[in-house]
N, C-alpha and C. Protein backbone atom coordinates (compact mmCIF):
# COMPACT_ATOMS: atom_id res chain seq x y z
N MET A 1 38.58 -8.56 23.58
CA MET A 1 37.35 -9.37 23.53
C MET A 1 36.35 -8.70 22.59
N ILE A 2 35.68 -9.49 21.77
CA ILE A 2 34.71 -8.96 20.82
C ILE A 2 33.42 -8.63 21.55
N ASN A 3 32.91 -7.45 21.34
CA ASN A 3 31.64 -7.01 21.93
C ASN A 3 30.51 -7.42 21.02
N LEU A 4 29.75 -8.48 21.38
CA LEU A 4 28.69 -9.00 20.52
C LEU A 4 27.56 -7.98 20.37
N ASP A 5 27.26 -7.23 21.44
CA ASP A 5 26.21 -6.21 21.34
C ASP A 5 26.56 -5.16 20.31
N SER A 6 27.82 -4.76 20.27
CA SER A 6 28.25 -3.77 19.29
C SER A 6 28.13 -4.30 17.88
N GLN A 7 28.49 -5.58 17.69
CA GLN A 7 28.36 -6.18 16.36
C GLN A 7 26.91 -6.21 15.90
N ARG A 8 26.02 -6.60 16.84
CA ARG A 8 24.60 -6.65 16.48
C ARG A 8 24.08 -5.26 16.12
N CYS A 9 24.48 -4.26 16.88
CA CYS A 9 24.05 -2.89 16.58
C CYS A 9 24.55 -2.45 15.21
N ALA A 10 25.79 -2.79 14.89
CA ALA A 10 26.36 -2.40 13.60
C ALA A 10 25.60 -3.05 12.46
N ARG A 11 25.29 -4.37 12.62
CA ARG A 11 24.53 -5.05 11.56
C ARG A 11 23.15 -4.43 11.40
N ARG A 12 22.54 -4.03 12.53
CA ARG A 12 21.21 -3.42 12.46
C ARG A 12 21.26 -2.09 11.72
N ARG A 13 22.30 -1.29 11.98
CA ARG A 13 22.42 0.00 11.29
C ARG A 13 22.59 -0.20 9.80
N ILE A 14 23.38 -1.20 9.40
CA ILE A 14 23.56 -1.49 7.97
C ILE A 14 22.25 -1.91 7.34
N ALA A 15 21.50 -2.77 8.03
CA ALA A 15 20.20 -3.23 7.49
C ALA A 15 19.24 -2.08 7.34
N LEU A 16 19.19 -1.19 8.34
CA LEU A 16 18.29 -0.04 8.25
C LEU A 16 18.68 0.88 7.11
N GLY A 17 19.99 1.07 6.91
CA GLY A 17 20.44 1.90 5.81
C GLY A 17 20.04 1.32 4.47
N ALA A 18 20.20 0.00 4.33
CA ALA A 18 19.79 -0.66 3.08
C ALA A 18 18.31 -0.53 2.86
N ARG A 19 17.52 -0.66 3.95
CA ARG A 19 16.07 -0.52 3.81
C ARG A 19 15.70 0.84 3.27
N CYS A 20 16.32 1.90 3.81
CA CYS A 20 16.00 3.26 3.35
C CYS A 20 16.33 3.43 1.88
N LEU A 21 17.51 2.93 1.46
CA LEU A 21 17.92 3.09 0.07
C LEU A 21 16.98 2.35 -0.86
N ILE A 22 16.61 1.11 -0.51
CA ILE A 22 15.72 0.33 -1.38
C ILE A 22 14.35 0.96 -1.43
N THR A 23 13.86 1.46 -0.27
CA THR A 23 12.53 2.08 -0.26
C THR A 23 12.50 3.31 -1.15
N LEU A 24 13.55 4.13 -1.10
CA LEU A 24 13.60 5.32 -1.96
C LEU A 24 13.60 4.92 -3.43
N ALA A 25 14.32 3.85 -3.76
CA ALA A 25 14.34 3.39 -5.15
C ALA A 25 12.96 2.90 -5.58
N ILE A 26 12.28 2.20 -4.67
CA ILE A 26 10.95 1.67 -4.98
C ILE A 26 9.97 2.79 -5.24
N LEU A 27 10.06 3.87 -4.43
CA LEU A 27 9.09 4.96 -4.56
C LEU A 27 9.18 5.65 -5.90
N ALA A 28 10.31 5.50 -6.60
CA ALA A 28 10.39 6.04 -7.96
C ALA A 28 9.43 5.29 -8.87
N GLY A 29 9.29 3.96 -8.61
CA GLY A 29 8.24 3.10 -9.15
C GLY A 29 8.13 3.01 -10.65
N CYS A 30 7.77 1.83 -11.13
CA CYS A 30 7.36 1.61 -12.51
C CYS A 30 5.98 0.99 -12.47
N THR A 31 5.29 0.92 -13.66
CA THR A 31 3.95 0.38 -13.70
C THR A 31 3.83 -0.64 -14.79
N SER A 32 2.65 -1.22 -14.92
CA SER A 32 2.47 -2.37 -15.78
C SER A 32 1.23 -2.27 -16.64
N GLU A 33 1.07 -3.23 -17.58
CA GLU A 33 0.00 -3.20 -18.55
C GLU A 33 -1.23 -3.94 -18.09
N PRO A 34 -2.46 -3.48 -18.50
CA PRO A 34 -3.67 -4.17 -18.11
C PRO A 34 -3.74 -5.56 -18.70
N ALA A 35 -4.54 -6.43 -18.07
CA ALA A 35 -4.79 -7.77 -18.57
C ALA A 35 -6.27 -8.03 -18.47
N ASN A 36 -6.76 -9.04 -19.20
CA ASN A 36 -8.17 -9.35 -19.18
C ASN A 36 -8.54 -10.01 -17.86
N ARG A 37 -9.61 -9.52 -17.24
CA ARG A 37 -10.07 -10.08 -15.98
C ARG A 37 -11.46 -9.58 -15.69
N GLN A 38 -12.27 -10.43 -15.07
CA GLN A 38 -13.57 -10.00 -14.63
C GLN A 38 -13.41 -9.17 -13.37
N ALA A 39 -13.93 -7.95 -13.36
CA ALA A 39 -13.75 -7.06 -12.22
C ALA A 39 -14.47 -7.60 -10.99
N GLY A 40 -13.81 -7.46 -9.81
CA GLY A 40 -14.42 -7.88 -8.57
C GLY A 40 -15.12 -6.71 -7.90
N SER A 41 -15.44 -6.88 -6.63
CA SER A 41 -16.12 -5.86 -5.86
C SER A 41 -15.36 -5.60 -4.58
N ALA A 42 -15.27 -4.34 -4.20
CA ALA A 42 -14.58 -3.98 -2.96
C ALA A 42 -15.58 -3.85 -1.84
N GLY A 43 -16.62 -4.64 -1.87
CA GLY A 43 -17.76 -4.50 -0.98
C GLY A 43 -17.42 -4.42 0.49
N ASP A 44 -16.67 -5.42 1.03
CA ASP A 44 -16.49 -5.46 2.47
C ASP A 44 -15.57 -4.37 2.98
N VAL A 45 -14.87 -3.65 2.08
CA VAL A 45 -14.07 -2.51 2.50
C VAL A 45 -14.81 -1.22 2.22
N ALA A 46 -15.12 -0.95 0.96
CA ALA A 46 -15.72 0.32 0.58
C ALA A 46 -17.11 0.49 1.18
N ALA A 47 -17.93 -0.56 1.17
CA ALA A 47 -19.29 -0.43 1.67
C ALA A 47 -19.30 -0.19 3.17
N ALA A 48 -18.35 -0.76 3.88
CA ALA A 48 -18.33 -0.61 5.33
C ALA A 48 -17.78 0.72 5.78
N ASN A 49 -17.16 1.45 4.86
CA ASN A 49 -16.46 2.67 5.27
C ASN A 49 -17.39 3.80 5.66
N GLY A 50 -18.51 3.94 4.95
CA GLY A 50 -19.42 5.03 5.25
C GLY A 50 -18.82 6.36 4.88
N PRO A 51 -19.51 7.47 5.20
CA PRO A 51 -19.02 8.81 4.87
C PRO A 51 -17.68 9.09 5.51
N ASP A 52 -16.80 9.74 4.76
CA ASP A 52 -15.47 10.06 5.28
C ASP A 52 -15.55 11.40 6.00
N ASP A 53 -16.04 11.37 7.20
CA ASP A 53 -16.28 12.59 7.98
C ASP A 53 -15.27 12.64 9.11
N THR A 54 -14.37 13.62 9.08
CA THR A 54 -13.32 13.69 10.09
C THR A 54 -13.87 14.02 11.47
N ARG A 55 -15.13 14.47 11.57
CA ARG A 55 -15.71 14.73 12.87
C ARG A 55 -15.90 13.45 13.67
N ASN A 56 -15.91 12.29 12.98
CA ASN A 56 -16.07 11.01 13.64
C ASN A 56 -14.73 10.36 13.97
N ALA A 57 -13.66 11.12 13.85
CA ALA A 57 -12.33 10.55 14.00
C ALA A 57 -12.12 10.01 15.40
N SER A 58 -11.51 8.82 15.47
CA SER A 58 -11.18 8.22 16.76
C SER A 58 -9.82 8.74 17.21
N PRO A 59 -9.65 9.06 18.49
CA PRO A 59 -8.35 9.54 18.96
C PRO A 59 -7.27 8.48 18.85
N ASN A 60 -7.64 7.19 18.65
CA ASN A 60 -6.66 6.12 18.54
C ASN A 60 -6.26 5.83 17.10
N ALA A 61 -6.87 6.55 16.13
CA ALA A 61 -6.56 6.29 14.73
C ALA A 61 -5.10 6.61 14.44
N ALA A 62 -4.46 5.77 13.64
CA ALA A 62 -3.07 6.01 13.28
C ALA A 62 -2.98 7.17 12.31
N VAL A 63 -1.78 7.72 12.17
CA VAL A 63 -1.56 8.91 11.35
C VAL A 63 -1.95 8.65 9.89
N GLY A 64 -2.73 9.57 9.31
CA GLY A 64 -3.00 9.54 7.88
C GLY A 64 -4.13 8.66 7.42
N CYS A 65 -4.69 7.83 8.28
CA CYS A 65 -5.80 6.96 7.89
C CYS A 65 -7.12 7.67 8.16
N ALA A 66 -8.13 7.36 7.36
CA ALA A 66 -9.46 7.88 7.61
C ALA A 66 -10.05 7.12 8.79
N ALA A 67 -10.26 7.81 9.90
CA ALA A 67 -10.70 7.13 11.11
C ALA A 67 -12.08 6.53 10.96
N SER A 68 -12.87 7.04 10.01
CA SER A 68 -14.21 6.50 9.81
C SER A 68 -14.20 5.20 9.01
N VAL A 69 -13.00 4.81 8.52
CA VAL A 69 -12.87 3.58 7.74
C VAL A 69 -12.37 2.48 8.68
N PRO A 70 -13.17 1.47 8.97
CA PRO A 70 -12.72 0.45 9.93
C PRO A 70 -11.58 -0.41 9.42
N ILE A 71 -11.59 -0.75 8.13
CA ILE A 71 -10.55 -1.62 7.56
C ILE A 71 -9.93 -0.92 6.35
N VAL A 72 -8.61 -0.75 6.36
CA VAL A 72 -7.94 -0.06 5.25
C VAL A 72 -7.28 -1.03 4.29
N LEU A 73 -6.99 -2.27 4.74
CA LEU A 73 -6.41 -3.31 3.88
C LEU A 73 -7.01 -4.65 4.28
N ARG A 74 -7.34 -5.46 3.26
CA ARG A 74 -7.80 -6.82 3.54
C ARG A 74 -7.38 -7.73 2.38
N GLY A 75 -6.74 -8.83 2.69
CA GLY A 75 -6.33 -9.78 1.66
C GLY A 75 -5.66 -10.97 2.31
N GLU A 76 -5.05 -11.81 1.48
CA GLU A 76 -4.34 -12.97 2.00
C GLU A 76 -3.04 -13.13 1.23
N LEU A 77 -1.94 -13.26 1.97
CA LEU A 77 -0.61 -13.39 1.37
C LEU A 77 -0.14 -14.84 1.46
N HIS A 78 0.61 -15.27 0.43
CA HIS A 78 1.15 -16.63 0.38
C HIS A 78 2.62 -16.55 -0.03
N GLY A 79 3.38 -17.56 0.33
CA GLY A 79 4.78 -17.58 -0.06
C GLY A 79 5.69 -17.16 1.08
N ALA A 80 6.64 -16.28 0.79
CA ALA A 80 7.62 -15.86 1.79
C ALA A 80 6.97 -15.13 2.96
N VAL A 81 5.91 -14.38 2.68
CA VAL A 81 5.10 -13.75 3.73
C VAL A 81 3.70 -14.35 3.59
N ARG A 82 3.20 -14.94 4.65
CA ARG A 82 1.92 -15.63 4.50
C ARG A 82 1.00 -15.33 5.68
N GLY A 83 -0.29 -15.37 5.39
CA GLY A 83 -1.29 -15.14 6.42
C GLY A 83 -2.37 -14.22 5.93
N GLU A 84 -3.42 -14.14 6.71
CA GLU A 84 -4.51 -13.22 6.38
C GLU A 84 -4.12 -11.82 6.80
N LEU A 85 -4.30 -10.88 5.90
CA LEU A 85 -3.94 -9.49 6.16
C LEU A 85 -5.22 -8.70 6.42
N VAL A 86 -5.36 -8.23 7.65
CA VAL A 86 -6.49 -7.38 8.02
C VAL A 86 -5.91 -6.19 8.77
N ALA A 87 -5.88 -5.03 8.13
CA ALA A 87 -5.28 -3.83 8.73
C ALA A 87 -6.38 -2.81 9.01
N THR A 88 -6.45 -2.36 10.23
CA THR A 88 -7.47 -1.39 10.62
C THR A 88 -6.88 0.02 10.66
N SER A 89 -7.75 1.00 10.62
CA SER A 89 -7.29 2.39 10.67
C SER A 89 -6.66 2.73 12.01
N ALA A 90 -6.94 1.94 13.05
CA ALA A 90 -6.40 2.22 14.37
C ALA A 90 -4.98 1.69 14.55
N THR A 91 -4.55 0.76 13.68
CA THR A 91 -3.23 0.15 13.87
C THR A 91 -2.34 0.30 12.63
N THR A 92 -2.72 1.19 11.72
CA THR A 92 -2.00 1.34 10.46
C THR A 92 -1.64 2.80 10.23
N HIS A 93 -0.42 3.03 9.75
CA HIS A 93 0.01 4.37 9.35
C HIS A 93 -0.22 4.49 7.85
N CYS A 94 -1.06 5.44 7.46
CA CYS A 94 -1.42 5.59 6.04
C CYS A 94 -0.85 6.89 5.48
N GLN A 95 -0.46 6.83 4.22
CA GLN A 95 0.02 8.02 3.52
C GLN A 95 -0.35 7.89 2.06
N GLY A 96 -0.89 8.94 1.48
CA GLY A 96 -1.25 8.92 0.07
C GLY A 96 -0.90 10.24 -0.57
N MET A 97 -0.36 10.18 -1.78
CA MET A 97 0.06 11.40 -2.45
C MET A 97 -0.05 11.25 -3.96
N GLN A 98 -0.10 12.39 -4.61
CA GLN A 98 -0.10 12.41 -6.07
C GLN A 98 1.33 12.27 -6.56
N ARG A 99 1.51 11.48 -7.61
CA ARG A 99 2.83 11.33 -8.20
C ARG A 99 3.22 12.59 -8.96
N PRO A 100 4.53 12.80 -9.14
CA PRO A 100 4.97 13.95 -9.95
C PRO A 100 4.44 13.86 -11.38
N ALA A 101 4.29 15.00 -12.01
CA ALA A 101 3.84 15.09 -13.41
C ALA A 101 2.47 14.46 -13.61
N ARG A 102 1.65 14.46 -12.55
CA ARG A 102 0.28 13.93 -12.61
C ARG A 102 0.22 12.47 -13.06
N ASN A 103 1.28 11.73 -12.79
CA ASN A 103 1.34 10.34 -13.23
C ASN A 103 0.76 9.40 -12.19
N GLY A 104 -0.52 9.63 -11.83
CA GLY A 104 -1.20 8.74 -10.91
C GLY A 104 -0.97 9.08 -9.45
N VAL A 105 -1.20 8.07 -8.59
CA VAL A 105 -1.11 8.28 -7.15
C VAL A 105 -0.31 7.14 -6.51
N ARG A 106 0.10 7.39 -5.27
CA ARG A 106 0.82 6.39 -4.50
C ARG A 106 0.20 6.32 -3.10
N LEU A 107 -0.17 5.12 -2.68
CA LEU A 107 -0.73 4.90 -1.35
C LEU A 107 0.21 4.00 -0.56
N GLN A 108 0.52 4.40 0.66
CA GLN A 108 1.41 3.60 1.50
C GLN A 108 0.70 3.24 2.79
N PHE A 109 0.80 1.96 3.16
CA PHE A 109 0.20 1.47 4.39
C PHE A 109 1.26 0.75 5.21
N ARG A 110 1.50 1.23 6.42
CA ARG A 110 2.43 0.53 7.33
C ARG A 110 1.61 -0.10 8.44
N ILE A 111 1.57 -1.44 8.44
CA ILE A 111 0.77 -2.17 9.40
C ILE A 111 1.62 -2.44 10.64
N ALA A 112 1.35 -1.73 11.72
CA ALA A 112 2.11 -1.92 12.94
C ALA A 112 1.70 -3.23 13.63
N LYS A 113 0.41 -3.53 13.62
CA LYS A 113 -0.06 -4.76 14.26
C LYS A 113 -1.33 -5.23 13.57
N GLY A 114 -1.28 -6.42 12.98
CA GLY A 114 -2.45 -7.02 12.36
C GLY A 114 -2.82 -8.30 13.07
N GLU A 115 -3.89 -8.93 12.64
CA GLU A 115 -4.34 -10.16 13.29
C GLU A 115 -3.32 -11.29 13.08
N GLN A 116 -2.77 -11.41 11.88
CA GLN A 116 -1.78 -12.45 11.59
C GLN A 116 -0.47 -11.89 11.06
N ILE A 117 -0.49 -10.68 10.51
CA ILE A 117 0.70 -10.08 9.91
C ILE A 117 0.92 -8.70 10.51
N SER A 118 2.13 -8.44 10.98
CA SER A 118 2.47 -7.15 11.58
C SER A 118 3.81 -6.67 11.04
N ASN A 119 4.12 -5.40 11.31
CA ASN A 119 5.38 -4.79 10.89
C ASN A 119 5.63 -5.00 9.40
N LEU A 120 4.62 -4.65 8.63
CA LEU A 120 4.67 -4.81 7.17
C LEU A 120 4.24 -3.51 6.52
N THR A 121 4.97 -3.11 5.47
CA THR A 121 4.59 -1.93 4.71
C THR A 121 4.21 -2.34 3.30
N MET A 122 3.09 -1.81 2.82
CA MET A 122 2.65 -2.06 1.44
C MET A 122 2.51 -0.72 0.74
N ILE A 123 3.09 -0.63 -0.46
CA ILE A 123 3.03 0.58 -1.27
C ILE A 123 2.32 0.25 -2.57
N VAL A 124 1.22 0.95 -2.84
CA VAL A 124 0.42 0.73 -4.03
C VAL A 124 0.54 1.97 -4.92
N GLY A 125 1.19 1.81 -6.07
CA GLY A 125 1.34 2.91 -7.02
C GLY A 125 0.42 2.69 -8.21
N ILE A 126 -0.54 3.58 -8.41
CA ILE A 126 -1.56 3.41 -9.46
C ILE A 126 -1.32 4.43 -10.55
N ASP A 127 -1.12 3.96 -11.75
CA ASP A 127 -0.75 4.81 -12.87
C ASP A 127 -1.94 5.62 -13.38
N LYS A 128 -1.69 6.91 -13.67
CA LYS A 128 -2.63 7.78 -14.38
C LYS A 128 -3.99 7.93 -13.71
N LEU A 129 -4.03 7.86 -12.38
CA LEU A 129 -5.27 8.07 -11.66
C LEU A 129 -5.33 9.50 -11.16
N GLY A 130 -6.38 10.23 -11.54
CA GLY A 130 -6.54 11.61 -11.14
C GLY A 130 -7.75 11.80 -10.25
N ARG A 131 -8.06 13.04 -9.94
CA ARG A 131 -9.21 13.35 -9.10
C ARG A 131 -10.49 12.79 -9.71
N GLY A 132 -11.24 12.06 -8.92
CA GLY A 132 -12.54 11.56 -9.35
C GLY A 132 -12.50 10.38 -10.31
N ASP A 133 -11.33 9.94 -10.73
CA ASP A 133 -11.24 8.86 -11.71
C ASP A 133 -11.55 7.50 -11.06
N VAL A 134 -12.30 6.68 -11.75
CA VAL A 134 -12.50 5.28 -11.39
C VAL A 134 -12.26 4.45 -12.64
N GLY A 135 -12.08 3.15 -12.48
CA GLY A 135 -11.85 2.33 -13.65
C GLY A 135 -11.29 0.97 -13.27
N GLU A 136 -11.12 0.12 -14.27
CA GLU A 136 -10.66 -1.24 -14.06
C GLU A 136 -9.34 -1.48 -14.81
N GLY A 137 -8.53 -2.39 -14.26
CA GLY A 137 -7.30 -2.79 -14.91
C GLY A 137 -6.26 -1.70 -15.02
N LEU A 138 -6.20 -0.79 -14.04
CA LEU A 138 -5.21 0.29 -14.07
C LEU A 138 -3.83 -0.26 -13.68
N ARG A 139 -2.83 0.10 -14.44
CA ARG A 139 -1.47 -0.39 -14.19
C ARG A 139 -0.99 -0.01 -12.79
N THR A 140 -0.43 -0.98 -12.08
CA THR A 140 -0.11 -0.78 -10.67
C THR A 140 1.24 -1.39 -10.32
N THR A 141 2.02 -0.65 -9.54
CA THR A 141 3.24 -1.18 -8.95
C THR A 141 2.95 -1.51 -7.49
N LEU A 142 3.25 -2.72 -7.09
CA LEU A 142 3.00 -3.14 -5.71
C LEU A 142 4.32 -3.51 -5.04
N THR A 143 4.55 -2.93 -3.88
CA THR A 143 5.77 -3.19 -3.12
C THR A 143 5.40 -3.63 -1.72
N ILE A 144 6.09 -4.65 -1.22
CA ILE A 144 5.87 -5.17 0.13
C ILE A 144 7.20 -5.15 0.86
N ILE A 145 7.22 -4.56 2.05
CA ILE A 145 8.43 -4.50 2.87
C ILE A 145 8.17 -5.27 4.16
N ASP A 146 8.88 -6.37 4.34
CA ASP A 146 8.81 -7.19 5.54
C ASP A 146 9.87 -6.66 6.51
N GLU A 147 9.44 -5.81 7.43
CA GLU A 147 10.39 -5.09 8.28
C GLU A 147 11.12 -6.01 9.26
N ASP A 148 10.44 -7.02 9.76
CA ASP A 148 11.06 -7.90 10.75
C ASP A 148 12.25 -8.66 10.18
N ASN A 149 12.18 -8.99 8.88
CA ASN A 149 13.22 -9.80 8.25
C ASN A 149 14.02 -9.06 7.19
N ASP A 150 13.82 -7.74 7.09
CA ASP A 150 14.54 -6.92 6.11
C ASP A 150 14.45 -7.50 4.70
N ARG A 151 13.22 -7.85 4.30
CA ARG A 151 12.99 -8.37 2.95
C ARG A 151 12.12 -7.39 2.17
N PHE A 152 12.46 -7.21 0.89
CA PHE A 152 11.77 -6.26 0.03
C PHE A 152 11.26 -6.98 -1.22
N PHE A 153 9.99 -6.83 -1.50
CA PHE A 153 9.36 -7.46 -2.67
C PHE A 153 8.70 -6.37 -3.50
N SER A 154 8.87 -6.43 -4.82
CA SER A 154 8.25 -5.41 -5.67
C SER A 154 8.06 -5.93 -7.09
N THR A 155 6.99 -5.49 -7.71
CA THR A 155 6.76 -5.85 -9.11
C THR A 155 7.74 -5.14 -10.02
N GLY A 156 8.23 -3.96 -9.61
CA GLY A 156 9.17 -3.22 -10.46
C GLY A 156 8.61 -3.01 -11.85
N GLU A 157 9.36 -3.45 -12.87
CA GLU A 157 8.92 -3.30 -14.26
C GLU A 157 8.06 -4.49 -14.72
N GLN A 158 7.84 -5.42 -13.83
CA GLN A 158 7.04 -6.59 -14.18
C GLN A 158 5.58 -6.19 -14.44
N LEU A 159 5.02 -6.65 -15.55
CA LEU A 159 3.65 -6.28 -15.92
C LEU A 159 2.68 -7.30 -15.33
N SER A 160 2.40 -7.17 -14.04
CA SER A 160 1.63 -8.23 -13.41
C SER A 160 0.56 -7.79 -12.41
N CYS A 161 0.56 -6.56 -11.96
CA CYS A 161 -0.43 -6.12 -10.98
C CYS A 161 -1.25 -4.95 -11.52
N PHE A 162 -2.53 -4.95 -11.17
CA PHE A 162 -3.49 -3.97 -11.70
C PHE A 162 -4.49 -3.61 -10.61
N SER A 163 -5.15 -2.49 -10.78
CA SER A 163 -6.13 -2.04 -9.79
C SER A 163 -7.47 -1.76 -10.44
N ASP A 164 -8.53 -2.11 -9.72
CA ASP A 164 -9.88 -1.70 -10.06
C ASP A 164 -10.30 -0.67 -9.01
N ILE A 165 -10.51 0.57 -9.43
CA ILE A 165 -10.86 1.65 -8.51
C ILE A 165 -12.38 1.80 -8.50
N THR A 166 -12.97 1.61 -7.32
CA THR A 166 -14.42 1.66 -7.19
C THR A 166 -14.90 2.96 -6.56
N GLU A 167 -14.00 3.68 -5.89
CA GLU A 167 -14.37 4.95 -5.26
C GLU A 167 -13.21 5.92 -5.34
N ASN A 168 -13.52 7.17 -5.70
CA ASN A 168 -12.53 8.24 -5.73
C ASN A 168 -13.30 9.52 -5.44
N ARG A 169 -13.53 9.76 -4.15
CA ARG A 169 -14.48 10.77 -3.70
C ARG A 169 -13.78 11.91 -2.97
N PRO A 170 -14.03 13.16 -3.39
CA PRO A 170 -13.43 14.30 -2.68
C PRO A 170 -13.87 14.34 -1.22
N ARG A 171 -12.96 14.67 -0.34
CA ARG A 171 -13.28 14.83 1.08
C ARG A 171 -13.66 16.28 1.35
N PRO A 172 -14.64 16.52 2.21
CA PRO A 172 -15.09 17.88 2.48
C PRO A 172 -14.00 18.72 3.13
N ALA A 173 -13.88 19.94 2.67
CA ALA A 173 -12.96 20.92 3.26
C ALA A 173 -11.51 20.42 3.31
N ALA A 174 -11.11 19.68 2.29
CA ALA A 174 -9.72 19.19 2.25
C ALA A 174 -9.32 18.97 0.80
N ASN A 175 -8.04 19.23 0.51
CA ASN A 175 -7.53 19.02 -0.84
C ASN A 175 -7.09 17.56 -0.99
N SER A 176 -8.05 16.65 -0.80
CA SER A 176 -7.74 15.23 -0.81
C SER A 176 -8.97 14.43 -1.23
N SER A 177 -8.76 13.16 -1.50
CA SER A 177 -9.85 12.27 -1.91
C SER A 177 -9.74 10.95 -1.17
N ALA A 178 -10.91 10.34 -0.90
CA ALA A 178 -10.97 8.99 -0.36
C ALA A 178 -11.02 8.02 -1.54
N ILE A 179 -10.06 7.11 -1.59
CA ILE A 179 -9.94 6.19 -2.72
C ILE A 179 -10.02 4.75 -2.22
N SER A 180 -10.89 3.95 -2.85
CA SER A 180 -11.02 2.53 -2.50
C SER A 180 -10.97 1.69 -3.77
N GLY A 181 -10.52 0.45 -3.62
CA GLY A 181 -10.47 -0.42 -4.78
C GLY A 181 -9.83 -1.76 -4.46
N ILE A 182 -9.42 -2.45 -5.51
CA ILE A 182 -8.84 -3.79 -5.39
C ILE A 182 -7.56 -3.84 -6.21
N VAL A 183 -6.52 -4.42 -5.65
CA VAL A 183 -5.30 -4.74 -6.40
C VAL A 183 -5.31 -6.25 -6.66
N TRP A 184 -5.03 -6.64 -7.90
CA TRP A 184 -4.93 -8.06 -8.24
C TRP A 184 -3.72 -8.27 -9.13
N CYS A 185 -3.09 -9.42 -8.96
CA CYS A 185 -1.84 -9.70 -9.67
C CYS A 185 -1.94 -11.03 -10.42
N THR A 186 -1.27 -11.10 -11.56
CA THR A 186 -1.28 -12.30 -12.38
C THR A 186 -0.02 -13.14 -12.19
N ALA A 187 0.90 -12.67 -11.34
CA ALA A 187 2.14 -13.41 -11.08
C ALA A 187 2.62 -13.09 -9.67
N ALA A 188 3.54 -13.91 -9.16
CA ALA A 188 4.11 -13.67 -7.85
C ALA A 188 4.95 -12.39 -7.86
N ILE A 189 5.08 -11.78 -6.69
CA ILE A 189 5.85 -10.55 -6.54
C ILE A 189 7.26 -10.95 -6.08
N PRO A 190 8.28 -10.71 -6.89
CA PRO A 190 9.62 -11.20 -6.56
C PRO A 190 10.31 -10.36 -5.48
N GLN A 191 11.24 -11.01 -4.78
CA GLN A 191 12.04 -10.33 -3.77
C GLN A 191 13.17 -9.57 -4.45
N ILE A 192 13.39 -8.34 -4.01
CA ILE A 192 14.46 -7.51 -4.59
C ILE A 192 15.82 -7.95 -4.06
N ASN A 193 15.88 -8.24 -2.76
CA ASN A 193 17.17 -8.58 -2.14
C ASN A 193 17.25 -10.05 -1.77
N GLY A 194 16.74 -10.92 -2.66
CA GLY A 194 16.78 -12.36 -2.41
C GLY A 194 16.05 -13.12 -3.50
N ASN A 195 15.79 -14.41 -3.26
CA ASN A 195 15.20 -15.27 -4.27
C ASN A 195 13.79 -15.74 -3.93
N GLU A 196 13.17 -15.14 -2.93
CA GLU A 196 11.83 -15.55 -2.54
C GLU A 196 10.78 -14.70 -3.27
N SER A 197 9.52 -14.99 -3.02
CA SER A 197 8.45 -14.23 -3.65
C SER A 197 7.20 -14.29 -2.79
N VAL A 198 6.26 -13.40 -3.07
CA VAL A 198 4.98 -13.35 -2.36
C VAL A 198 3.85 -13.38 -3.38
N ARG A 199 2.84 -14.16 -3.10
CA ARG A 199 1.63 -14.19 -3.92
C ARG A 199 0.49 -13.66 -3.07
N LEU A 200 -0.47 -13.05 -3.73
CA LEU A 200 -1.61 -12.54 -2.98
C LEU A 200 -2.91 -12.80 -3.69
N SER A 201 -3.95 -12.94 -2.89
CA SER A 201 -5.30 -12.94 -3.43
C SER A 201 -5.67 -11.48 -3.66
N GLU A 202 -6.87 -11.20 -4.05
CA GLU A 202 -7.26 -9.81 -4.25
C GLU A 202 -7.04 -9.02 -2.96
N LEU A 203 -6.42 -7.85 -3.12
CA LEU A 203 -6.13 -6.99 -1.98
C LEU A 203 -7.08 -5.80 -2.01
N TYR A 204 -7.97 -5.75 -1.05
CA TYR A 204 -8.91 -4.65 -0.94
C TYR A 204 -8.25 -3.53 -0.14
N PHE A 205 -8.35 -2.29 -0.61
CA PHE A 205 -7.71 -1.19 0.10
C PHE A 205 -8.59 0.05 0.12
N SER A 206 -8.35 0.90 1.09
CA SER A 206 -9.05 2.18 1.19
C SER A 206 -8.09 3.18 1.82
N GLY A 207 -7.85 4.29 1.15
CA GLY A 207 -6.90 5.27 1.65
C GLY A 207 -7.28 6.68 1.26
N ILE A 208 -6.42 7.61 1.64
CA ILE A 208 -6.63 9.03 1.35
C ILE A 208 -5.44 9.54 0.55
N VAL A 209 -5.72 10.23 -0.53
CA VAL A 209 -4.68 10.82 -1.36
C VAL A 209 -4.72 12.34 -1.23
N GLU A 210 -3.59 12.93 -0.91
CA GLU A 210 -3.45 14.38 -0.86
C GLU A 210 -3.03 14.87 -2.24
N TRP A 211 -3.77 15.84 -2.76
CA TRP A 211 -3.48 16.39 -4.08
C TRP A 211 -2.59 17.61 -3.96
N ARG A 212 -1.69 17.77 -4.89
CA ARG A 212 -0.80 18.93 -4.91
C ARG A 212 -1.40 19.98 -5.82
N ASP A 213 -1.57 21.17 -5.28
CA ASP A 213 -2.23 22.24 -6.06
C ASP A 213 -1.48 22.54 -7.34
N GLU A 214 -0.15 22.51 -7.30
CA GLU A 214 0.62 22.86 -8.48
C GLU A 214 0.53 21.79 -9.56
N LEU A 215 0.05 20.57 -9.18
CA LEU A 215 -0.05 19.50 -10.16
C LEU A 215 -1.49 19.28 -10.62
N SER A 216 -2.44 20.00 -10.03
CA SER A 216 -3.86 19.77 -10.32
C SER A 216 -4.28 20.40 -11.63
């Protein structure tokens, strides 16, 4: 007799393995060229954040997020993944790091539970961004991982997503910076393992990047 539970477990292990392999490939990342656009404002994210003081940290804050920042991601997704995206520091796992060879930074947000969208990971790779740098139209790789349905979307080599960085502020007593800005795209983000795509309105974000001393 066929054990259906065993079959389901086997399929789940295969899916998880594929997810890890695709995520590792995505993290290698490519970037894209700037396009003409009127710069927006990250007001409702950056302005609401206030000083990044770890003394105000909430014990419920998820790993890696600045607890003093109430909202770390805000935007609206359309297409294969749809809904308003509002991710708070209390329900999101954040990670930010400097890319090798000083080639910009990478911010990762895993939304465990949002108002309309949950179990979603977004990876924002910003080209040539260093300590204290701000600017508009910076080349950006955007990746979206829909964990519930094992779907992966990424701009890859597509020249379609860019970032306007409005804040890049050193954090006190830490080798890191608080970075806020907007990601905007001129085309849909294609699915890597399928034929669907995701479109987004401006994505407001706020995260922390850890700098590597040997790359500084």
